[in-house]
Amino acid sequence: MPHLLPLLIRGINNLSDARYCAGMGADKLTFILDPAIPGFLDTKAVKELTGWVAGVELIGEFDQLTAPEINAIAAECALDAVLLRQPRSVAELAEIAPPAYVELAIGSVGIAGYLPHSSAGLVIEITEPLTTETLDKLFAIGQHHPLWLGPGLLPDLARHLATQLPLAGLVFPSGDEVKPGLRDFDQLEAVFEALETE
């Protein structure tokens, strides 16, 4: 089922989400591999989860770990890329072996002032109402950098942004199982359906 844009699902922590999102046509799945981030999974758990999915890009999320630590984990888990929760210098980015996505805060000066040309893409989560000024900034960034925007689990907003901004893709959160093997996918399903091509 093709979508208007590539889709990245963040924070996969269970097999139900991994298989569902891959089956519904997500392009990229992230796994939190940094102990400094809530929801951290160890490399053994990530390898077990990723062994059940195919056809998706596997991305590790990191915050405090050093480039050598990131590279070791990325190699062990056969990651296709990493997502850095905080901006790093160009020199630091150069030390990280896999392609690196960099997350920026939407309300910070960094949205306009920190645009790393050496990153695989910029990830910005929408955490406040979108003003015309912010939309203009996002439009300008999307024209010069691969921009991945996270609109939350809001199907109408996601479709609107997908058709109005020059985006590389959209970012959505995964969730938690109610109990092992039991998961409510209604919100994710609504997003996937809203973004299907007609």
N, C-alpha and C. Protein backbone atom coordinates (compact mmCIF):
# COMPACT_ATOMS: atom_id res chain seq x y z
N MET A 1 0.85 -1.19 0.00
CA MET A 1 0.00 0.00 0.00
C MET A 1 0.89 1.25 0.00
N PRO A 2 1.01 1.89 -1.15
CA PRO A 2 1.88 3.08 -1.23
C PRO A 2 1.29 4.27 -0.47
N HIS A 3 2.19 5.08 0.08
CA HIS A 3 1.79 6.27 0.83
C HIS A 3 2.30 7.52 0.12
N LEU A 4 1.73 8.65 0.49
CA LEU A 4 2.12 9.92 -0.12
C LEU A 4 3.60 10.21 0.09
N LEU A 5 4.13 9.80 1.24
CA LEU A 5 5.53 10.02 1.60
C LEU A 5 6.05 8.80 2.34
N PRO A 6 7.37 8.64 2.40
CA PRO A 6 7.92 7.59 3.26
C PRO A 6 7.55 7.84 4.72
N LEU A 7 7.39 6.76 5.48
CA LEU A 7 6.97 6.86 6.88
C LEU A 7 8.01 6.24 7.79
N LEU A 8 8.31 6.95 8.88
CA LEU A 8 9.26 6.49 9.90
C LEU A 8 8.49 6.34 11.21
N ILE A 9 8.59 5.17 11.82
CA ILE A 9 7.90 4.91 13.08
C ILE A 9 8.95 4.81 14.18
N ARG A 10 8.81 5.65 15.21
CA ARG A 10 9.82 5.76 16.26
C ARG A 10 9.52 4.91 17.48
N GLY A 11 10.60 4.44 18.10
CA GLY A 11 10.51 3.82 19.41
C GLY A 11 9.86 2.46 19.43
N ILE A 12 10.09 1.64 18.41
CA ILE A 12 9.53 0.29 18.42
C ILE A 12 10.11 -0.47 19.61
N ASN A 13 9.23 -1.09 20.42
CA ASN A 13 9.71 -1.82 21.59
C ASN A 13 9.04 -3.17 21.77
N ASN A 14 8.29 -3.60 20.75
CA ASN A 14 7.63 -4.90 20.85
C ASN A 14 7.43 -5.48 19.45
N LEU A 15 7.27 -6.78 19.40
CA LEU A 15 7.14 -7.47 18.11
C LEU A 15 5.85 -7.11 17.39
N SER A 16 4.78 -6.87 18.14
CA SER A 16 3.51 -6.51 17.51
C SER A 16 3.67 -5.25 16.67
N ASP A 17 4.28 -4.21 17.23
CA ASP A 17 4.49 -2.97 16.49
C ASP A 17 5.43 -3.17 15.31
N ALA A 18 6.52 -3.88 15.54
CA ALA A 18 7.49 -4.08 14.47
C ALA A 18 6.84 -4.74 13.26
N ARG A 19 6.11 -5.81 13.48
CA ARG A 19 5.51 -6.53 12.36
C ARG A 19 4.35 -5.76 11.75
N TYR A 20 3.53 -5.12 12.59
CA TYR A 20 2.39 -4.36 12.06
C TYR A 20 2.87 -3.21 11.17
N CYS A 21 3.82 -2.42 11.67
CA CYS A 21 4.27 -1.25 10.93
C CYS A 21 4.98 -1.65 9.64
N ALA A 22 5.78 -2.70 9.70
CA ALA A 22 6.43 -3.17 8.48
C ALA A 22 5.39 -3.65 7.48
N GLY A 23 4.39 -4.37 7.96
CA GLY A 23 3.35 -4.89 7.09
C GLY A 23 2.46 -3.82 6.49
N MET A 24 2.30 -2.70 7.20
CA MET A 24 1.45 -1.61 6.72
C MET A 24 2.20 -0.64 5.80
N GLY A 25 3.46 -0.91 5.55
CA GLY A 25 4.19 -0.11 4.58
C GLY A 25 5.08 0.97 5.14
N ALA A 26 5.38 0.91 6.45
CA ALA A 26 6.36 1.86 6.98
C ALA A 26 7.70 1.61 6.31
N ASP A 27 8.46 2.67 6.12
CA ASP A 27 9.75 2.55 5.44
C ASP A 27 10.91 2.41 6.41
N LYS A 28 10.77 2.99 7.62
CA LYS A 28 11.85 3.02 8.59
C LYS A 28 11.28 2.79 9.98
N LEU A 29 12.01 2.02 10.79
CA LEU A 29 11.64 1.77 12.18
C LEU A 29 12.81 2.15 13.06
N THR A 30 12.54 2.87 14.17
CA THR A 30 13.62 3.18 15.09
C THR A 30 13.47 2.38 16.38
N PHE A 31 14.64 2.12 16.98
CA PHE A 31 14.73 1.41 18.24
C PHE A 31 15.64 2.22 19.16
N ILE A 32 15.23 2.41 20.40
CA ILE A 32 16.01 3.24 21.33
C ILE A 32 17.13 2.38 21.93
N LEU A 33 18.36 2.74 21.60
CA LEU A 33 19.52 1.95 21.99
C LEU A 33 20.46 2.70 22.92
N ASP A 34 20.01 3.81 23.46
CA ASP A 34 20.83 4.61 24.37
C ASP A 34 20.21 4.54 25.76
N PRO A 35 20.97 4.06 26.76
CA PRO A 35 20.40 3.94 28.12
C PRO A 35 19.92 5.25 28.70
N ALA A 36 20.34 6.39 28.15
CA ALA A 36 19.92 7.69 28.67
C ALA A 36 18.49 8.05 28.25
N ILE A 37 17.91 7.28 27.34
CA ILE A 37 16.57 7.60 26.81
C ILE A 37 15.56 6.63 27.39
N PRO A 38 14.43 7.14 27.91
CA PRO A 38 13.37 6.23 28.39
C PRO A 38 12.93 5.28 27.27
N GLY A 39 12.68 4.05 27.62
CA GLY A 39 12.27 3.06 26.62
C GLY A 39 13.44 2.32 26.01
N PHE A 40 14.62 2.47 26.59
CA PHE A 40 15.84 1.84 26.10
C PHE A 40 15.69 0.33 25.98
N LEU A 41 16.19 -0.21 24.85
CA LEU A 41 16.26 -1.65 24.65
C LEU A 41 17.72 -2.05 24.50
N ASP A 42 18.08 -3.21 25.04
CA ASP A 42 19.46 -3.66 24.84
C ASP A 42 19.61 -4.28 23.45
N THR A 43 20.85 -4.50 23.04
CA THR A 43 21.10 -4.97 21.67
C THR A 43 20.48 -6.35 21.43
N LYS A 44 20.43 -7.19 22.44
CA LYS A 44 19.83 -8.52 22.26
C LYS A 44 18.35 -8.40 21.91
N ALA A 45 17.63 -7.53 22.62
CA ALA A 45 16.19 -7.36 22.35
C ALA A 45 15.97 -6.79 20.95
N VAL A 46 16.80 -5.82 20.55
CA VAL A 46 16.64 -5.22 19.22
C VAL A 46 16.91 -6.25 18.14
N LYS A 47 17.94 -7.07 18.31
CA LYS A 47 18.24 -8.08 17.30
C LYS A 47 17.10 -9.11 17.20
N GLU A 48 16.50 -9.43 18.32
CA GLU A 48 15.36 -10.36 18.28
C GLU A 48 14.19 -9.75 17.52
N LEU A 49 13.90 -8.48 17.78
CA LEU A 49 12.78 -7.82 17.09
C LEU A 49 13.04 -7.68 15.60
N THR A 50 14.24 -7.23 15.25
CA THR A 50 14.53 -6.97 13.83
C THR A 50 14.63 -8.26 13.03
N GLY A 51 14.86 -9.37 13.71
CA GLY A 51 14.90 -10.65 13.01
C GLY A 51 13.56 -11.07 12.43
N TRP A 52 12.49 -10.41 12.88
CA TRP A 52 11.14 -10.76 12.42
C TRP A 52 10.61 -9.84 11.33
N VAL A 53 11.36 -8.83 10.95
CA VAL A 53 10.85 -7.89 9.93
C VAL A 53 11.83 -7.82 8.76
N ALA A 54 11.28 -7.47 7.62
CA ALA A 54 12.10 -7.33 6.42
C ALA A 54 11.56 -6.18 5.58
N GLY A 55 12.42 -5.62 4.76
CA GLY A 55 11.97 -4.58 3.83
C GLY A 55 11.86 -3.20 4.43
N VAL A 56 12.40 -3.01 5.65
CA VAL A 56 12.37 -1.70 6.29
C VAL A 56 13.78 -1.31 6.68
N GLU A 57 14.03 -0.01 6.76
CA GLU A 57 15.31 0.49 7.23
C GLU A 57 15.29 0.48 8.75
N LEU A 58 16.36 -0.03 9.35
CA LEU A 58 16.47 -0.15 10.81
C LEU A 58 17.36 0.97 11.34
N ILE A 59 16.82 1.73 12.29
CA ILE A 59 17.51 2.92 12.80
C ILE A 59 17.59 2.85 14.32
N GLY A 60 18.75 3.17 14.86
CA GLY A 60 18.92 3.24 16.31
C GLY A 60 18.87 4.68 16.76
N GLU A 61 18.17 4.93 17.88
CA GLU A 61 18.11 6.30 18.44
C GLU A 61 19.13 6.43 19.57
N PHE A 62 19.87 7.55 19.54
CA PHE A 62 20.92 7.78 20.52
C PHE A 62 20.87 9.22 21.01
N ASP A 63 21.41 9.41 22.22
CA ASP A 63 21.45 10.74 22.81
C ASP A 63 22.85 11.05 23.35
N GLN A 64 23.24 10.36 24.43
CA GLN A 64 24.48 10.70 25.13
C GLN A 64 25.69 9.89 24.70
N LEU A 65 25.51 8.77 24.04
CA LEU A 65 26.64 7.90 23.72
C LEU A 65 27.61 8.57 22.75
N THR A 66 28.87 8.17 22.83
CA THR A 66 29.91 8.71 21.95
C THR A 66 29.84 8.05 20.57
N ALA A 67 30.53 8.64 19.62
CA ALA A 67 30.56 8.09 18.27
C ALA A 67 31.07 6.65 18.26
N PRO A 68 32.19 6.31 18.93
CA PRO A 68 32.63 4.91 18.94
C PRO A 68 31.60 3.96 19.55
N GLU A 69 30.92 4.41 20.60
CA GLU A 69 29.88 3.56 21.21
C GLU A 69 28.72 3.35 20.24
N ILE A 70 28.32 4.42 19.57
CA ILE A 70 27.24 4.32 18.59
C ILE A 70 27.64 3.38 17.46
N ASN A 71 28.85 3.53 16.97
CA ASN A 71 29.32 2.68 15.86
C ASN A 71 29.33 1.20 16.24
N ALA A 72 29.74 0.89 17.47
CA ALA A 72 29.79 -0.50 17.92
C ALA A 72 28.39 -1.10 17.98
N ILE A 73 27.46 -0.35 18.55
CA ILE A 73 26.08 -0.85 18.65
C ILE A 73 25.45 -0.97 17.27
N ALA A 74 25.70 0.02 16.40
CA ALA A 74 25.14 -0.02 15.05
C ALA A 74 25.63 -1.24 14.30
N ALA A 75 26.90 -1.57 14.46
CA ALA A 75 27.45 -2.74 13.78
C ALA A 75 26.85 -4.03 14.35
N GLU A 76 26.73 -4.10 15.68
CA GLU A 76 26.19 -5.30 16.32
C GLU A 76 24.75 -5.56 15.90
N CYS A 77 23.96 -4.48 15.77
CA CYS A 77 22.53 -4.62 15.44
C CYS A 77 22.25 -4.50 13.94
N ALA A 78 23.30 -4.36 13.13
CA ALA A 78 23.15 -4.22 11.68
C ALA A 78 22.19 -3.09 11.32
N LEU A 79 22.41 -1.94 11.96
CA LEU A 79 21.55 -0.77 11.70
C LEU A 79 21.88 -0.16 10.34
N ASP A 80 20.83 0.35 9.69
CA ASP A 80 21.02 1.06 8.43
C ASP A 80 21.38 2.52 8.65
N ALA A 81 20.97 3.07 9.80
CA ALA A 81 21.20 4.49 10.10
C ALA A 81 21.02 4.70 11.59
N VAL A 82 21.32 5.91 12.05
CA VAL A 82 21.08 6.29 13.44
C VAL A 82 20.32 7.61 13.46
N LEU A 83 19.60 7.82 14.57
CA LEU A 83 18.90 9.07 14.78
C LEU A 83 19.45 9.67 16.06
N LEU A 84 20.04 10.86 15.96
CA LEU A 84 20.66 11.53 17.10
C LEU A 84 19.66 12.49 17.72
N ARG A 85 19.41 12.34 19.01
CA ARG A 85 18.42 13.15 19.70
C ARG A 85 18.89 14.59 19.89
N GLN A 86 20.20 14.83 19.80
CA GLN A 86 20.73 16.18 19.96
C GLN A 86 21.69 16.49 18.83
N PRO A 87 21.73 17.75 18.40
CA PRO A 87 22.69 18.14 17.36
C PRO A 87 24.13 17.87 17.81
N ARG A 88 24.97 17.53 16.86
CA ARG A 88 26.39 17.33 17.11
C ARG A 88 27.19 18.11 16.09
N SER A 89 28.44 18.32 16.41
CA SER A 89 29.29 19.08 15.49
C SER A 89 29.51 18.28 14.20
N VAL A 90 29.93 18.97 13.17
CA VAL A 90 30.22 18.31 11.90
C VAL A 90 31.31 17.27 12.10
N ALA A 91 32.30 17.59 12.96
CA ALA A 91 33.38 16.63 13.23
C ALA A 91 32.83 15.37 13.89
N GLU A 92 31.91 15.52 14.85
CA GLU A 92 31.31 14.36 15.51
C GLU A 92 30.49 13.54 14.53
N LEU A 93 29.73 14.22 13.69
CA LEU A 93 28.93 13.50 12.70
C LEU A 93 29.82 12.69 11.78
N ALA A 94 30.96 13.23 11.44
CA ALA A 94 31.89 12.54 10.55
C ALA A 94 32.43 11.25 11.17
N GLU A 95 32.46 11.18 12.50
CA GLU A 95 32.97 9.99 13.19
C GLU A 95 31.93 8.87 13.26
N ILE A 96 30.69 9.20 13.04
CA ILE A 96 29.63 8.20 13.14
C ILE A 96 29.51 7.48 11.79
N ALA A 97 29.69 6.16 11.81
CA ALA A 97 29.77 5.40 10.57
C ALA A 97 28.46 5.34 9.78
N PRO A 98 27.33 5.00 10.41
CA PRO A 98 26.09 4.93 9.63
C PRO A 98 25.58 6.33 9.28
N PRO A 99 24.74 6.45 8.26
CA PRO A 99 24.09 7.73 8.00
C PRO A 99 23.35 8.18 9.26
N ALA A 100 23.41 9.49 9.55
CA ALA A 100 22.83 10.01 10.79
C ALA A 100 21.73 11.02 10.52
N TYR A 101 20.55 10.75 11.07
CA TYR A 101 19.48 11.73 11.12
C TYR A 101 19.67 12.54 12.40
N VAL A 102 19.37 13.82 12.35
CA VAL A 102 19.54 14.68 13.52
C VAL A 102 18.19 15.28 13.90
N GLU A 103 17.81 15.14 15.17
CA GLU A 103 16.55 15.71 15.65
C GLU A 103 16.77 17.14 16.14
N LEU A 104 15.88 18.02 15.72
CA LEU A 104 15.92 19.42 16.15
C LEU A 104 14.60 19.76 16.83
N ALA A 105 14.66 20.69 17.80
CA ALA A 105 13.45 21.15 18.47
C ALA A 105 12.78 22.21 17.61
N ILE A 106 11.49 22.09 17.45
CA ILE A 106 10.77 23.00 16.55
C ILE A 106 10.77 24.44 17.05
N GLY A 107 10.78 24.64 18.37
CA GLY A 107 10.70 26.00 18.88
C GLY A 107 12.02 26.65 19.19
N SER A 108 13.11 25.99 18.84
CA SER A 108 14.42 26.53 19.22
C SER A 108 15.03 27.34 18.09
N VAL A 109 16.02 28.12 18.45
CA VAL A 109 16.79 28.86 17.45
C VAL A 109 17.45 27.89 16.50
N GLY A 110 17.75 26.70 17.00
CA GLY A 110 18.44 25.69 16.19
C GLY A 110 17.70 25.34 14.93
N ILE A 111 16.38 25.52 14.91
CA ILE A 111 15.63 25.16 13.70
C ILE A 111 16.11 25.96 12.50
N ALA A 112 16.56 27.20 12.74
CA ALA A 112 17.05 28.01 11.64
C ALA A 112 18.57 28.07 11.61
N GLY A 113 19.20 27.93 12.80
CA GLY A 113 20.62 28.15 12.88
C GLY A 113 21.49 26.92 12.80
N TYR A 114 20.90 25.72 13.04
CA TYR A 114 21.72 24.52 12.99
C TYR A 114 21.17 23.60 11.92
N LEU A 115 21.77 23.64 10.77
CA LEU A 115 21.33 22.81 9.66
C LEU A 115 22.52 22.02 9.13
N PRO A 116 22.77 20.86 9.72
CA PRO A 116 23.96 20.09 9.35
C PRO A 116 23.85 19.47 7.96
N HIS A 117 24.66 19.95 7.05
CA HIS A 117 24.62 19.44 5.67
C HIS A 117 25.09 17.99 5.59
N SER A 118 25.83 17.54 6.60
CA SER A 118 26.38 16.18 6.54
C SER A 118 25.43 15.13 7.12
N SER A 119 24.24 15.53 7.53
CA SER A 119 23.31 14.55 8.11
C SER A 119 22.43 13.95 7.01
N ALA A 120 21.89 12.75 7.30
CA ALA A 120 21.02 12.07 6.35
C ALA A 120 19.66 12.76 6.26
N GLY A 121 19.29 13.47 7.31
CA GLY A 121 18.02 14.16 7.34
C GLY A 121 17.80 14.81 8.68
N LEU A 122 16.87 15.73 8.72
CA LEU A 122 16.51 16.42 9.95
C LEU A 122 15.14 15.92 10.39
N VAL A 123 15.00 15.62 11.68
CA VAL A 123 13.74 15.15 12.25
C VAL A 123 13.24 16.23 13.20
N ILE A 124 12.03 16.70 12.95
CA ILE A 124 11.43 17.72 13.81
C ILE A 124 10.03 17.25 14.21
N GLU A 125 9.82 17.11 15.51
CA GLU A 125 8.51 16.73 16.03
C GLU A 125 7.70 18.00 16.32
N ILE A 126 6.46 18.03 15.91
CA ILE A 126 5.59 19.18 16.17
C ILE A 126 5.09 19.08 17.60
N THR A 127 5.49 20.02 18.43
CA THR A 127 5.11 19.99 19.85
C THR A 127 4.34 21.24 20.26
N GLU A 128 3.97 22.05 19.30
CA GLU A 128 3.24 23.29 19.58
C GLU A 128 2.38 23.61 18.36
N PRO A 129 1.37 24.48 18.52
CA PRO A 129 0.54 24.85 17.37
C PRO A 129 1.40 25.45 16.24
N LEU A 130 1.08 25.08 15.04
CA LEU A 130 1.86 25.56 13.89
C LEU A 130 1.39 26.95 13.47
N THR A 131 2.30 27.90 13.50
CA THR A 131 2.00 29.25 13.04
C THR A 131 2.44 29.38 11.59
N THR A 132 1.98 30.44 10.94
CA THR A 132 2.41 30.70 9.56
C THR A 132 3.91 30.86 9.49
N GLU A 133 4.48 31.53 10.51
CA GLU A 133 5.93 31.73 10.53
C GLU A 133 6.68 30.40 10.62
N THR A 134 6.19 29.49 11.48
CA THR A 134 6.84 28.19 11.62
C THR A 134 6.71 27.38 10.35
N LEU A 135 5.53 27.41 9.74
CA LEU A 135 5.34 26.69 8.47
C LEU A 135 6.27 27.22 7.39
N ASP A 136 6.46 28.52 7.37
CA ASP A 136 7.38 29.11 6.39
C ASP A 136 8.81 28.63 6.63
N LYS A 137 9.22 28.56 7.91
CA LYS A 137 10.56 28.05 8.24
C LYS A 137 10.71 26.60 7.81
N LEU A 138 9.69 25.80 8.11
CA LEU A 138 9.74 24.39 7.74
C LEU A 138 9.80 24.22 6.22
N PHE A 139 9.05 25.05 5.51
CA PHE A 139 9.07 25.00 4.05
C PHE A 139 10.47 25.30 3.54
N ALA A 140 11.10 26.33 4.10
CA ALA A 140 12.44 26.72 3.66
C ALA A 140 13.45 25.62 3.97
N ILE A 141 13.35 25.02 5.15
CA ILE A 141 14.27 23.94 5.51
C ILE A 141 14.08 22.75 4.57
N GLY A 142 12.81 22.41 4.31
CA GLY A 142 12.52 21.27 3.44
C GLY A 142 13.01 21.44 2.02
N GLN A 143 13.20 22.68 1.58
CA GLN A 143 13.71 22.91 0.24
C GLN A 143 15.21 22.65 0.13
N HIS A 144 15.91 22.65 1.27
CA HIS A 144 17.37 22.52 1.24
C HIS A 144 17.90 21.30 1.97
N HIS A 145 17.06 20.65 2.77
CA HIS A 145 17.49 19.50 3.56
C HIS A 145 16.39 18.43 3.55
N PRO A 146 16.77 17.15 3.65
CA PRO A 146 15.74 16.11 3.81
C PRO A 146 15.07 16.30 5.18
N LEU A 147 13.82 16.70 5.17
CA LEU A 147 13.09 17.03 6.39
C LEU A 147 12.04 15.97 6.69
N TRP A 148 12.15 15.39 7.89
CA TRP A 148 11.18 14.41 8.39
C TRP A 148 10.40 15.06 9.52
N LEU A 149 9.10 15.19 9.32
CA LEU A 149 8.27 15.94 10.26
C LEU A 149 7.34 15.00 11.02
N GLY A 150 7.26 15.21 12.35
CA GLY A 150 6.40 14.39 13.20
C GLY A 150 5.16 15.13 13.64
N PRO A 151 4.01 14.87 13.03
CA PRO A 151 2.78 15.58 13.40
C PRO A 151 1.97 14.92 14.50
N GLY A 152 2.54 13.91 15.19
CA GLY A 152 1.75 13.16 16.15
C GLY A 152 0.78 12.25 15.42
N LEU A 153 -0.08 11.58 16.16
CA LEU A 153 -1.01 10.64 15.54
C LEU A 153 -2.30 11.36 15.12
N LEU A 154 -2.13 12.35 14.26
CA LEU A 154 -3.25 13.17 13.77
C LEU A 154 -3.36 13.00 12.26
N PRO A 155 -4.25 12.13 11.81
CA PRO A 155 -4.33 11.80 10.38
C PRO A 155 -4.55 13.00 9.47
N ASP A 156 -5.47 13.90 9.83
CA ASP A 156 -5.77 15.04 8.95
C ASP A 156 -4.57 15.98 8.85
N LEU A 157 -3.92 16.25 9.97
CA LEU A 157 -2.74 17.11 9.95
C LEU A 157 -1.63 16.46 9.15
N ALA A 158 -1.44 15.17 9.33
CA ALA A 158 -0.39 14.46 8.61
C ALA A 158 -0.60 14.57 7.10
N ARG A 159 -1.82 14.35 6.65
CA ARG A 159 -2.09 14.43 5.21
C ARG A 159 -1.91 15.85 4.71
N HIS A 160 -2.35 16.83 5.49
CA HIS A 160 -2.21 18.24 5.09
C HIS A 160 -0.73 18.60 4.93
N LEU A 161 0.09 18.23 5.91
CA LEU A 161 1.52 18.56 5.84
C LEU A 161 2.19 17.83 4.68
N ALA A 162 1.77 16.60 4.44
CA ALA A 162 2.36 15.81 3.35
C ALA A 162 2.12 16.45 2.00
N THR A 163 1.03 17.17 1.87
CA THR A 163 0.70 17.78 0.58
C THR A 163 1.10 19.25 0.48
N GLN A 164 1.46 19.86 1.60
CA GLN A 164 1.74 21.30 1.59
C GLN A 164 3.22 21.65 1.76
N LEU A 165 4.02 20.73 2.31
CA LEU A 165 5.43 21.03 2.58
C LEU A 165 6.33 20.09 1.80
N PRO A 166 7.53 20.55 1.45
CA PRO A 166 8.48 19.68 0.74
C PRO A 166 9.21 18.76 1.72
N LEU A 167 8.56 17.68 2.09
CA LEU A 167 9.08 16.79 3.11
C LEU A 167 9.73 15.55 2.51
N ALA A 168 10.75 15.03 3.21
CA ALA A 168 11.33 13.75 2.84
C ALA A 168 10.43 12.62 3.34
N GLY A 169 9.73 12.88 4.46
CA GLY A 169 8.86 11.86 5.02
C GLY A 169 8.20 12.35 6.30
N LEU A 170 7.36 11.50 6.86
CA LEU A 170 6.65 11.80 8.10
C LEU A 170 7.06 10.81 9.18
N VAL A 171 7.00 11.28 10.43
CA VAL A 171 7.46 10.51 11.58
C VAL A 171 6.30 10.32 12.55
N PHE A 172 6.13 9.09 13.03
CA PHE A 172 5.05 8.81 13.98
C PHE A 172 5.57 7.96 15.14
N PRO A 173 4.97 8.13 16.32
CA PRO A 173 5.39 7.31 17.47
C PRO A 173 4.76 5.93 17.40
N SER A 174 5.47 4.95 17.92
CA SER A 174 4.87 3.63 18.10
C SER A 174 4.16 3.64 19.45
N GLY A 175 3.89 2.50 19.99
CA GLY A 175 3.20 2.47 21.27
C GLY A 175 3.62 1.28 22.10
N ASP A 176 2.85 0.97 23.09
CA ASP A 176 3.15 -0.16 23.97
C ASP A 176 2.04 -1.20 23.86
N GLU A 177 2.42 -2.44 24.05
CA GLU A 177 1.43 -3.50 24.08
C GLU A 177 0.63 -3.42 25.38
N VAL A 178 -0.66 -3.75 25.31
CA VAL A 178 -1.49 -3.85 26.52
C VAL A 178 -0.95 -4.99 27.38
N LYS A 179 -0.64 -6.09 26.72
CA LYS A 179 0.07 -7.22 27.30
C LYS A 179 0.74 -7.92 26.13
N PRO A 180 1.68 -8.81 26.37
CA PRO A 180 2.40 -9.43 25.25
C PRO A 180 1.47 -9.96 24.17
N GLY A 181 1.67 -9.46 22.96
CA GLY A 181 0.87 -9.90 21.82
C GLY A 181 -0.44 -9.16 21.63
N LEU A 182 -0.80 -8.25 22.56
CA LEU A 182 -2.07 -7.52 22.47
C LEU A 182 -1.78 -6.03 22.35
N ARG A 183 -2.23 -5.43 21.26
CA ARG A 183 -1.91 -4.03 20.99
C ARG A 183 -3.07 -3.40 20.22
N ASP A 184 -3.44 -2.18 20.58
CA ASP A 184 -4.49 -1.43 19.89
C ASP A 184 -3.83 -0.56 18.83
N PHE A 185 -4.13 -0.85 17.56
CA PHE A 185 -3.48 -0.14 16.46
C PHE A 185 -4.41 0.89 15.80
N ASP A 186 -5.52 1.25 16.44
CA ASP A 186 -6.49 2.13 15.79
C ASP A 186 -5.89 3.45 15.35
N GLN A 187 -5.09 4.09 16.21
CA GLN A 187 -4.53 5.40 15.85
C GLN A 187 -3.52 5.29 14.72
N LEU A 188 -2.63 4.32 14.80
CA LEU A 188 -1.66 4.13 13.72
C LEU A 188 -2.36 3.76 12.41
N GLU A 189 -3.38 2.92 12.51
CA GLU A 189 -4.10 2.52 11.32
C GLU A 189 -4.75 3.73 10.63
N ALA A 190 -5.30 4.64 11.43
CA ALA A 190 -5.92 5.84 10.87
C ALA A 190 -4.89 6.70 10.14
N VAL A 191 -3.69 6.80 10.68
CA VAL A 191 -2.62 7.57 10.04
C VAL A 191 -2.20 6.91 8.74
N PHE A 192 -1.96 5.61 8.78
CA PHE A 192 -1.56 4.89 7.56
C PHE A 192 -2.62 5.06 6.46
N GLU A 193 -3.88 4.93 6.83
CA GLU A 193 -4.96 5.04 5.85
C GLU A 193 -5.05 6.46 5.29
N ALA A 194 -4.87 7.47 6.13
CA ALA A 194 -4.98 8.86 5.68
C ALA A 194 -3.90 9.21 4.69
N LEU A 195 -2.79 8.50 4.74
CA LEU A 195 -1.65 8.83 3.88
C LEU A 195 -1.54 7.93 2.66
N GLU A 196 -2.49 7.04 2.48
CA GLU A 196 -2.45 6.19 1.29
C GLU A 196 -2.69 7.03 0.04
N THR A 197 -2.00 6.67 -1.02
CA THR A 197 -2.21 7.36 -2.30
C THR A 197 -3.54 6.88 -2.88
N GLU A 198 -4.20 7.78 -3.58
CA GLU A 198 -5.54 7.45 -4.10
C GLU A 198 -5.46 6.87 -5.49
